[in-house]
Amino acid sequence: MSDIWGFLLQTLTASGVAVLLLAVKWMFRDKLSPRWQFAAWSVLVLLMLLPAGRGGRYTLLNWPFYVEVLRAWLTGDYSVLTRVAAPVPLFPREMPHTLWDWLFVAYLAGCVFFLGRYFLSYFRLRLALKRGMPGGEEQVKRVATQYGLPRCRSVKVEGL
C-alpha cells in the first residue's frame, strides 16, 4: 500500500456521501419508497466499487485545499498534491511486507467474507419467504390498527 493518503481521501469521500445520503433520508423520512432508498444508496455502492475518478480526480467530490495542506503538514512533504489514481492495488505485484499491509489484506478478506455471508443469508431468507404460506392476518391487522401503522403482508414460514 504505497499511497495511504489517496486511500484516506477515498474513505473521506465515501463517508461524505454516506452522511449526505443519511441527511437526505432524514429530510424525506417516510416519503421515499424502499425502491428509491435502494437507488439512492446504490450511489454509495458505485462510489465504493469505482474508487478512482477519470484522470486521477476524486470521484463525486473534489476535496478542498485544506485537506491537502493537512496531509502536507502531517507528512512534511509539501512538493506534491495527492491524486487518487488507484488507491487500492487490484493485482499486487508482490506480497505484503509490513504489518499494515497484512492488516489491510486481513481487513479486505473480512469484508469479502461478511459480504458473502450477508448475500447468502439474504437469498436464503428470500427463498424461505417464497415457500411460506400467507397467514396471521388477524394479529397483524390488530397490531397495525392499535399503533396506527400501515398493514404489511405476513407470511408463515416453517421453522421460523
N, C-alpha and C. Protein backbone atom coordinates (compact mmCIF):
# COMPACT_ATOMS: atom_id res chain seq x y z
N MET A 1 0.85 -1.16 0.00
CA MET A 1 0.00 0.00 0.00
C MET A 1 0.89 1.23 0.00
N SER A 2 1.10 1.81 -1.15
CA SER A 2 2.05 2.90 -1.25
C SER A 2 1.41 4.27 -1.08
N ASP A 3 0.14 4.43 -1.38
CA ASP A 3 -0.49 5.73 -1.33
C ASP A 3 -1.59 5.74 -0.28
N ILE A 4 -1.19 5.82 0.99
CA ILE A 4 -2.17 5.78 2.07
C ILE A 4 -3.05 7.03 2.06
N TRP A 5 -2.50 8.17 1.62
CA TRP A 5 -3.29 9.39 1.59
C TRP A 5 -4.38 9.32 0.53
N GLY A 6 -4.09 8.70 -0.60
CA GLY A 6 -5.12 8.52 -1.61
C GLY A 6 -6.24 7.65 -1.08
N PHE A 7 -5.88 6.60 -0.35
CA PHE A 7 -6.87 5.71 0.23
C PHE A 7 -7.70 6.46 1.28
N LEU A 8 -7.05 7.27 2.11
CA LEU A 8 -7.78 8.02 3.13
C LEU A 8 -8.71 9.06 2.51
N LEU A 9 -8.29 9.69 1.41
CA LEU A 9 -9.17 10.65 0.75
C LEU A 9 -10.37 9.95 0.12
N GLN A 10 -10.17 8.74 -0.39
CA GLN A 10 -11.30 7.98 -0.93
C GLN A 10 -12.26 7.60 0.19
N THR A 11 -11.71 7.23 1.36
CA THR A 11 -12.55 6.92 2.51
C THR A 11 -13.32 8.15 2.96
N LEU A 12 -12.67 9.31 2.94
CA LEU A 12 -13.33 10.56 3.28
C LEU A 12 -14.45 10.86 2.29
N THR A 13 -14.22 10.60 1.02
CA THR A 13 -15.26 10.81 0.01
C THR A 13 -16.45 9.90 0.26
N ALA A 14 -16.20 8.63 0.52
CA ALA A 14 -17.30 7.68 0.78
C ALA A 14 -18.06 8.07 2.04
N SER A 15 -17.34 8.51 3.07
CA SER A 15 -18.01 8.94 4.30
C SER A 15 -18.85 10.17 4.07
N GLY A 16 -18.35 11.10 3.27
CA GLY A 16 -19.12 12.30 2.95
C GLY A 16 -20.40 11.98 2.20
N VAL A 17 -20.31 11.05 1.26
CA VAL A 17 -21.50 10.64 0.52
C VAL A 17 -22.49 9.94 1.45
N ALA A 18 -22.00 9.10 2.36
CA ALA A 18 -22.89 8.42 3.30
C ALA A 18 -23.60 9.43 4.20
N VAL A 19 -22.89 10.44 4.69
CA VAL A 19 -23.53 11.47 5.52
C VAL A 19 -24.56 12.24 4.71
N LEU A 20 -24.24 12.54 3.47
CA LEU A 20 -25.19 13.23 2.59
C LEU A 20 -26.45 12.39 2.38
N LEU A 21 -26.28 11.10 2.15
CA LEU A 21 -27.44 10.22 1.95
C LEU A 21 -28.27 10.09 3.22
N LEU A 22 -27.61 10.04 4.39
CA LEU A 22 -28.35 9.99 5.64
C LEU A 22 -29.15 11.27 5.87
N ALA A 23 -28.58 12.41 5.47
CA ALA A 23 -29.30 13.68 5.60
C ALA A 23 -30.51 13.71 4.67
N VAL A 24 -30.35 13.20 3.45
CA VAL A 24 -31.47 13.15 2.52
C VAL A 24 -32.55 12.20 3.04
N LYS A 25 -32.13 11.07 3.59
CA LYS A 25 -33.10 10.12 4.14
C LYS A 25 -33.85 10.74 5.31
N TRP A 26 -33.16 11.50 6.16
CA TRP A 26 -33.81 12.15 7.29
C TRP A 26 -34.78 13.22 6.80
N MET A 27 -34.40 13.96 5.75
CA MET A 27 -35.27 15.01 5.21
C MET A 27 -36.58 14.44 4.69
N PHE A 28 -36.50 13.33 3.97
CA PHE A 28 -37.69 12.76 3.37
C PHE A 28 -38.42 11.79 4.29
N ARG A 29 -37.78 11.36 5.33
CA ARG A 29 -38.32 10.42 6.31
C ARG A 29 -39.03 9.25 5.63
N ASP A 30 -40.34 9.16 5.74
CA ASP A 30 -41.06 8.02 5.18
C ASP A 30 -41.66 8.32 3.81
N LYS A 31 -41.21 9.36 3.15
CA LYS A 31 -41.77 9.73 1.84
C LYS A 31 -41.19 8.89 0.70
N LEU A 32 -39.99 8.37 0.87
CA LEU A 32 -39.36 7.58 -0.19
C LEU A 32 -39.68 6.10 -0.03
N SER A 33 -40.02 5.48 -1.13
CA SER A 33 -40.29 4.04 -1.09
C SER A 33 -38.96 3.29 -0.94
N PRO A 34 -39.01 2.04 -0.52
CA PRO A 34 -37.77 1.26 -0.40
C PRO A 34 -37.00 1.18 -1.71
N ARG A 35 -37.70 1.16 -2.83
CA ARG A 35 -37.02 1.10 -4.13
C ARG A 35 -36.19 2.37 -4.36
N TRP A 36 -36.73 3.54 -4.02
CA TRP A 36 -35.99 4.78 -4.18
C TRP A 36 -34.83 4.87 -3.19
N GLN A 37 -35.04 4.37 -1.98
CA GLN A 37 -33.95 4.35 -1.00
C GLN A 37 -32.82 3.46 -1.48
N PHE A 38 -33.16 2.32 -2.04
CA PHE A 38 -32.14 1.42 -2.59
C PHE A 38 -31.37 2.11 -3.71
N ALA A 39 -32.08 2.83 -4.58
CA ALA A 39 -31.42 3.53 -5.67
C ALA A 39 -30.48 4.61 -5.15
N ALA A 40 -30.90 5.31 -4.10
CA ALA A 40 -30.04 6.36 -3.53
C ALA A 40 -28.79 5.76 -2.91
N TRP A 41 -28.95 4.67 -2.18
CA TRP A 41 -27.78 4.05 -1.54
C TRP A 41 -26.88 3.36 -2.56
N SER A 42 -27.40 3.04 -3.73
CA SER A 42 -26.55 2.43 -4.74
C SER A 42 -25.51 3.42 -5.26
N VAL A 43 -25.76 4.72 -5.08
CA VAL A 43 -24.74 5.73 -5.41
C VAL A 43 -23.49 5.48 -4.58
N LEU A 44 -23.68 5.22 -3.29
CA LEU A 44 -22.54 4.93 -2.43
C LEU A 44 -21.85 3.63 -2.83
N VAL A 45 -22.63 2.63 -3.19
CA VAL A 45 -22.04 1.36 -3.62
C VAL A 45 -21.20 1.57 -4.88
N LEU A 46 -21.72 2.33 -5.84
CA LEU A 46 -20.94 2.62 -7.04
C LEU A 46 -19.67 3.39 -6.71
N LEU A 47 -19.78 4.31 -5.78
CA LEU A 47 -18.60 5.06 -5.36
C LEU A 47 -17.54 4.14 -4.76
N MET A 48 -17.98 3.16 -3.99
CA MET A 48 -17.03 2.23 -3.37
C MET A 48 -16.45 1.24 -4.39
N LEU A 49 -17.24 0.87 -5.40
CA LEU A 49 -16.75 -0.07 -6.40
C LEU A 49 -15.81 0.59 -7.41
N LEU A 50 -16.02 1.87 -7.68
CA LEU A 50 -15.20 2.61 -8.63
C LEU A 50 -14.48 3.73 -7.89
N PRO A 51 -13.40 3.41 -7.17
CA PRO A 51 -12.83 4.39 -6.25
C PRO A 51 -12.11 5.54 -6.92
N ALA A 52 -11.55 5.37 -8.11
CA ALA A 52 -10.75 6.44 -8.70
C ALA A 52 -11.49 7.07 -9.87
N GLY A 53 -11.51 8.38 -9.89
CA GLY A 53 -12.14 9.09 -10.98
C GLY A 53 -11.25 9.09 -12.21
N ARG A 54 -11.79 9.58 -13.30
CA ARG A 54 -11.05 9.63 -14.55
C ARG A 54 -9.89 10.62 -14.41
N GLY A 55 -8.71 10.19 -14.79
CA GLY A 55 -7.54 11.07 -14.72
C GLY A 55 -7.03 11.26 -13.32
N GLY A 56 -7.42 10.42 -12.38
CA GLY A 56 -6.92 10.53 -11.02
C GLY A 56 -7.67 11.52 -10.16
N ARG A 57 -8.77 12.09 -10.66
CA ARG A 57 -9.54 13.02 -9.84
C ARG A 57 -10.37 12.24 -8.84
N TYR A 58 -10.81 12.92 -7.80
CA TYR A 58 -11.66 12.28 -6.82
C TYR A 58 -13.03 12.06 -7.43
N THR A 59 -13.65 10.95 -7.07
CA THR A 59 -14.98 10.70 -7.59
C THR A 59 -16.00 11.48 -6.78
N LEU A 60 -16.94 12.07 -7.46
CA LEU A 60 -18.09 12.76 -6.90
C LEU A 60 -17.75 14.08 -6.19
N LEU A 61 -16.76 14.11 -5.36
CA LEU A 61 -16.42 15.33 -4.64
C LEU A 61 -14.94 15.65 -4.84
N ASN A 62 -14.61 16.92 -5.05
CA ASN A 62 -13.23 17.34 -5.14
C ASN A 62 -12.91 18.07 -3.84
N TRP A 63 -12.15 17.43 -2.96
CA TRP A 63 -11.95 17.97 -1.63
C TRP A 63 -11.12 19.25 -1.68
N PRO A 64 -11.43 20.17 -0.79
CA PRO A 64 -10.76 21.47 -0.81
C PRO A 64 -9.28 21.39 -0.45
N PHE A 65 -8.67 22.52 -0.59
CA PHE A 65 -7.23 22.63 -0.43
C PHE A 65 -6.76 22.30 0.99
N TYR A 66 -7.59 22.55 2.00
CA TYR A 66 -7.12 22.35 3.38
C TYR A 66 -6.87 20.88 3.69
N VAL A 67 -7.50 19.95 2.98
CA VAL A 67 -7.19 18.53 3.18
C VAL A 67 -5.77 18.25 2.70
N GLU A 68 -5.40 18.85 1.58
CA GLU A 68 -4.04 18.70 1.06
C GLU A 68 -3.02 19.36 1.99
N VAL A 69 -3.39 20.51 2.55
CA VAL A 69 -2.50 21.19 3.49
C VAL A 69 -2.30 20.34 4.73
N LEU A 70 -3.36 19.71 5.22
CA LEU A 70 -3.25 18.83 6.38
C LEU A 70 -2.33 17.65 6.08
N ARG A 71 -2.47 17.06 4.89
CA ARG A 71 -1.59 15.96 4.51
C ARG A 71 -0.14 16.41 4.47
N ALA A 72 0.11 17.55 3.86
CA ALA A 72 1.47 18.06 3.77
C ALA A 72 2.03 18.40 5.15
N TRP A 73 1.20 18.95 6.02
CA TRP A 73 1.65 19.30 7.36
C TRP A 73 1.99 18.05 8.17
N LEU A 74 1.19 16.99 8.03
CA LEU A 74 1.44 15.77 8.80
C LEU A 74 2.64 14.98 8.27
N THR A 75 2.84 15.00 6.97
CA THR A 75 3.94 14.22 6.39
C THR A 75 5.21 15.02 6.22
N GLY A 76 5.10 16.34 6.16
CA GLY A 76 6.27 17.17 5.93
C GLY A 76 6.66 17.28 4.46
N ASP A 77 5.87 16.72 3.57
CA ASP A 77 6.15 16.75 2.13
C ASP A 77 5.22 17.77 1.49
N TYR A 78 5.78 18.91 1.10
CA TYR A 78 5.00 19.98 0.50
C TYR A 78 5.13 20.03 -1.02
N SER A 79 5.75 19.03 -1.60
CA SER A 79 6.07 19.12 -3.02
C SER A 79 4.95 18.59 -3.93
N VAL A 80 4.15 17.66 -3.49
CA VAL A 80 3.19 17.01 -4.37
C VAL A 80 1.81 17.01 -3.73
N LEU A 81 0.81 17.32 -4.53
CA LEU A 81 -0.56 17.18 -4.07
C LEU A 81 -1.02 15.75 -4.34
N THR A 82 -1.85 15.21 -3.47
CA THR A 82 -2.32 13.84 -3.62
C THR A 82 -3.31 13.74 -4.76
N ARG A 83 -3.10 12.78 -5.62
CA ARG A 83 -4.05 12.48 -6.69
C ARG A 83 -4.39 11.00 -6.58
N VAL A 84 -5.67 10.70 -6.62
CA VAL A 84 -6.10 9.32 -6.48
C VAL A 84 -6.18 8.69 -7.86
N ALA A 85 -5.27 7.79 -8.13
CA ALA A 85 -5.30 7.08 -9.41
C ALA A 85 -5.86 5.67 -9.20
N ALA A 86 -5.34 4.97 -8.26
CA ALA A 86 -5.86 3.66 -7.87
C ALA A 86 -5.35 3.40 -6.46
N PRO A 87 -6.07 3.83 -5.44
CA PRO A 87 -5.56 3.75 -4.07
C PRO A 87 -5.40 2.33 -3.56
N VAL A 88 -6.17 1.41 -4.09
CA VAL A 88 -6.07 0.02 -3.66
C VAL A 88 -5.61 -0.80 -4.85
N PRO A 89 -4.42 -1.40 -4.77
CA PRO A 89 -3.96 -2.19 -5.90
C PRO A 89 -4.83 -3.42 -6.09
N LEU A 90 -5.40 -3.57 -7.27
CA LEU A 90 -6.28 -4.71 -7.51
C LEU A 90 -5.49 -6.00 -7.67
N PHE A 91 -4.34 -5.92 -8.33
CA PHE A 91 -3.49 -7.07 -8.54
C PHE A 91 -2.08 -6.71 -8.09
N PRO A 92 -1.76 -6.92 -6.81
CA PRO A 92 -0.42 -6.53 -6.35
C PRO A 92 0.66 -7.38 -7.01
N ARG A 93 1.77 -6.74 -7.28
CA ARG A 93 2.88 -7.42 -7.94
C ARG A 93 3.75 -8.19 -6.96
N GLU A 94 3.63 -7.88 -5.69
CA GLU A 94 4.44 -8.57 -4.69
C GLU A 94 3.62 -8.80 -3.43
N MET A 95 4.12 -9.66 -2.58
CA MET A 95 3.44 -9.96 -1.32
C MET A 95 3.58 -8.78 -0.36
N PRO A 96 2.60 -8.59 0.53
CA PRO A 96 2.72 -7.52 1.51
C PRO A 96 3.93 -7.74 2.42
N HIS A 97 4.60 -6.65 2.78
CA HIS A 97 5.81 -6.76 3.60
C HIS A 97 5.60 -6.29 5.03
N THR A 98 4.87 -5.21 5.21
CA THR A 98 4.75 -4.63 6.54
C THR A 98 3.51 -5.16 7.24
N LEU A 99 3.48 -4.91 8.53
CA LEU A 99 2.33 -5.31 9.34
C LEU A 99 1.06 -4.61 8.85
N TRP A 100 1.16 -3.33 8.45
CA TRP A 100 0.00 -2.58 7.99
C TRP A 100 -0.55 -3.16 6.70
N ASP A 101 0.35 -3.62 5.82
CA ASP A 101 -0.11 -4.26 4.58
C ASP A 101 -0.87 -5.54 4.88
N TRP A 102 -0.35 -6.33 5.82
CA TRP A 102 -1.03 -7.57 6.19
C TRP A 102 -2.37 -7.29 6.86
N LEU A 103 -2.41 -6.25 7.71
CA LEU A 103 -3.68 -5.90 8.33
C LEU A 103 -4.71 -5.44 7.30
N PHE A 104 -4.25 -4.73 6.27
CA PHE A 104 -5.15 -4.32 5.21
C PHE A 104 -5.67 -5.53 4.43
N VAL A 105 -4.81 -6.50 4.17
CA VAL A 105 -5.24 -7.72 3.49
C VAL A 105 -6.26 -8.47 4.35
N ALA A 106 -6.01 -8.53 5.66
CA ALA A 106 -6.96 -9.20 6.56
C ALA A 106 -8.30 -8.45 6.58
N TYR A 107 -8.23 -7.12 6.56
CA TYR A 107 -9.45 -6.31 6.52
C TYR A 107 -10.25 -6.59 5.25
N LEU A 108 -9.58 -6.62 4.11
CA LEU A 108 -10.26 -6.92 2.85
C LEU A 108 -10.86 -8.32 2.86
N ALA A 109 -10.12 -9.30 3.39
CA ALA A 109 -10.64 -10.66 3.46
C ALA A 109 -11.89 -10.72 4.35
N GLY A 110 -11.87 -9.99 5.46
CA GLY A 110 -13.05 -9.94 6.33
C GLY A 110 -14.24 -9.30 5.64
N CYS A 111 -14.00 -8.23 4.88
CA CYS A 111 -15.08 -7.58 4.14
C CYS A 111 -15.69 -8.53 3.12
N VAL A 112 -14.85 -9.25 2.40
CA VAL A 112 -15.35 -10.20 1.40
C VAL A 112 -16.12 -11.32 2.08
N PHE A 113 -15.61 -11.82 3.20
CA PHE A 113 -16.27 -12.90 3.92
C PHE A 113 -17.66 -12.47 4.39
N PHE A 114 -17.75 -11.32 5.06
CA PHE A 114 -19.04 -10.89 5.60
C PHE A 114 -20.00 -10.46 4.51
N LEU A 115 -19.50 -9.93 3.42
CA LEU A 115 -20.38 -9.61 2.30
C LEU A 115 -20.97 -10.88 1.70
N GLY A 116 -20.16 -11.91 1.54
CA GLY A 116 -20.66 -13.20 1.06
C GLY A 116 -21.67 -13.82 2.02
N ARG A 117 -21.38 -13.71 3.31
CA ARG A 117 -22.30 -14.25 4.32
C ARG A 117 -23.63 -13.50 4.29
N TYR A 118 -23.57 -12.19 4.13
CA TYR A 118 -24.79 -11.39 4.05
C TYR A 118 -25.63 -11.80 2.85
N PHE A 119 -25.00 -11.91 1.67
CA PHE A 119 -25.75 -12.28 0.48
C PHE A 119 -26.33 -13.69 0.59
N LEU A 120 -25.59 -14.61 1.18
CA LEU A 120 -26.10 -15.96 1.36
C LEU A 120 -27.34 -15.96 2.26
N SER A 121 -27.28 -15.23 3.38
CA SER A 121 -28.44 -15.19 4.27
C SER A 121 -29.62 -14.46 3.63
N TYR A 122 -29.33 -13.44 2.83
CA TYR A 122 -30.41 -12.72 2.13
C TYR A 122 -31.13 -13.65 1.16
N PHE A 123 -30.38 -14.41 0.37
CA PHE A 123 -31.02 -15.30 -0.60
C PHE A 123 -31.73 -16.46 0.08
N ARG A 124 -31.22 -16.93 1.22
CA ARG A 124 -31.91 -17.98 1.96
C ARG A 124 -33.23 -17.46 2.52
N LEU A 125 -33.24 -16.22 3.01
CA LEU A 125 -34.48 -15.63 3.52
C LEU A 125 -35.49 -15.44 2.40
N ARG A 126 -35.05 -14.96 1.24
CA ARG A 126 -35.98 -14.79 0.11
C ARG A 126 -36.58 -16.13 -0.30
N LEU A 127 -35.76 -17.17 -0.32
CA LEU A 127 -36.26 -18.50 -0.68
C LEU A 127 -37.27 -18.99 0.36
N ALA A 128 -36.98 -18.77 1.64
CA ALA A 128 -37.91 -19.19 2.69
C ALA A 128 -39.23 -18.42 2.60
N LEU A 129 -39.17 -17.14 2.27
CA LEU A 129 -40.40 -16.35 2.15
C LEU A 129 -41.22 -16.77 0.93
N LYS A 130 -40.55 -17.19 -0.13
CA LYS A 130 -41.29 -17.68 -1.30
C LYS A 130 -42.03 -18.97 -0.99
N ARG A 131 -41.41 -19.81 -0.18
CA ARG A 131 -42.02 -21.10 0.17
C ARG A 131 -43.07 -20.96 1.26
N GLY A 132 -43.13 -19.83 1.94
CA GLY A 132 -44.05 -19.64 3.05
C GLY A 132 -45.49 -19.50 2.60
N MET A 133 -46.38 -19.61 3.56
CA MET A 133 -47.82 -19.51 3.31
C MET A 133 -48.33 -18.22 3.96
N PRO A 134 -49.27 -17.53 3.31
CA PRO A 134 -49.85 -16.34 3.94
C PRO A 134 -50.57 -16.73 5.23
N GLY A 135 -50.44 -15.90 6.23
CA GLY A 135 -51.11 -16.24 7.49
C GLY A 135 -50.89 -15.17 8.54
N GLY A 136 -51.64 -15.29 9.63
CA GLY A 136 -51.52 -14.37 10.75
C GLY A 136 -52.09 -13.00 10.47
N GLU A 137 -53.04 -12.90 9.53
CA GLU A 137 -53.58 -11.61 9.13
C GLU A 137 -54.31 -10.91 10.28
N GLU A 138 -55.00 -11.67 11.12
CA GLU A 138 -55.77 -11.06 12.19
C GLU A 138 -54.86 -10.34 13.18
N GLN A 139 -53.79 -10.99 13.57
CA GLN A 139 -52.87 -10.40 14.54
C GLN A 139 -52.17 -9.18 13.94
N VAL A 140 -51.77 -9.26 12.68
CA VAL A 140 -51.11 -8.13 12.02
C VAL A 140 -52.08 -6.95 11.92
N LYS A 141 -53.32 -7.23 11.55
CA LYS A 141 -54.33 -6.18 11.42
C LYS A 141 -54.60 -5.51 12.77
N ARG A 142 -54.70 -6.33 13.82
CA ARG A 142 -54.97 -5.79 15.15
C ARG A 142 -53.82 -4.89 15.64
N VAL A 143 -52.60 -5.33 15.47
CA VAL A 143 -51.45 -4.54 15.91
C VAL A 143 -51.31 -3.27 15.07
N ALA A 144 -51.56 -3.38 13.77
CA ALA A 144 -51.44 -2.21 12.89
C ALA A 144 -52.46 -1.15 13.25
N THR A 145 -53.69 -1.56 13.54
CA THR A 145 -54.71 -0.57 13.90
C THR A 145 -54.45 -0.01 15.29
N GLN A 146 -53.92 -0.81 16.20
CA GLN A 146 -53.64 -0.36 17.56
C GLN A 146 -52.58 0.73 17.58
N TYR A 147 -51.54 0.58 16.76
CA TYR A 147 -50.43 1.53 16.77
C TYR A 147 -50.47 2.50 15.58
N GLY A 148 -51.50 2.43 14.75
CA GLY A 148 -51.61 3.35 13.63
C GLY A 148 -50.56 3.12 12.56
N LEU A 149 -50.21 1.88 12.31
CA LEU A 149 -49.19 1.53 11.32
C LEU A 149 -49.84 1.03 10.04
N PRO A 150 -49.17 1.17 8.91
CA PRO A 150 -49.72 0.57 7.69
C PRO A 150 -49.61 -0.95 7.78
N ARG A 151 -50.60 -1.63 7.21
CA ARG A 151 -50.59 -3.10 7.24
C ARG A 151 -49.57 -3.64 6.28
N CYS A 152 -48.90 -4.66 6.71
CA CYS A 152 -47.94 -5.32 5.84
C CYS A 152 -48.37 -6.76 5.62
N ARG A 153 -47.81 -7.35 4.63
CA ARG A 153 -48.11 -8.73 4.29
C ARG A 153 -47.43 -9.64 5.31
N SER A 154 -48.10 -10.65 5.77
CA SER A 154 -47.49 -11.60 6.71
C SER A 154 -47.38 -12.98 6.06
N VAL A 155 -46.30 -13.65 6.39
CA VAL A 155 -46.02 -14.95 5.82
C VAL A 155 -45.63 -15.90 6.95
N LYS A 156 -46.23 -17.09 6.96
CA LYS A 156 -45.83 -18.12 7.90
C LYS A 156 -44.79 -19.01 7.24
N VAL A 157 -43.64 -19.10 7.86
CA VAL A 157 -42.55 -19.92 7.35
C VAL A 157 -42.25 -20.99 8.38
N GLU A 158 -42.25 -22.22 7.92
CA GLU A 158 -41.99 -23.33 8.82
C GLU A 158 -40.56 -23.24 9.33
N GLY A 159 -40.41 -23.31 10.66
CA GLY A 159 -39.08 -23.25 11.26
C GLY A 159 -38.69 -21.87 11.76
N LEU A 160 -39.49 -20.86 11.42
CA LEU A 160 -39.20 -19.50 11.91
C LEU A 160 -40.24 -19.07 12.91
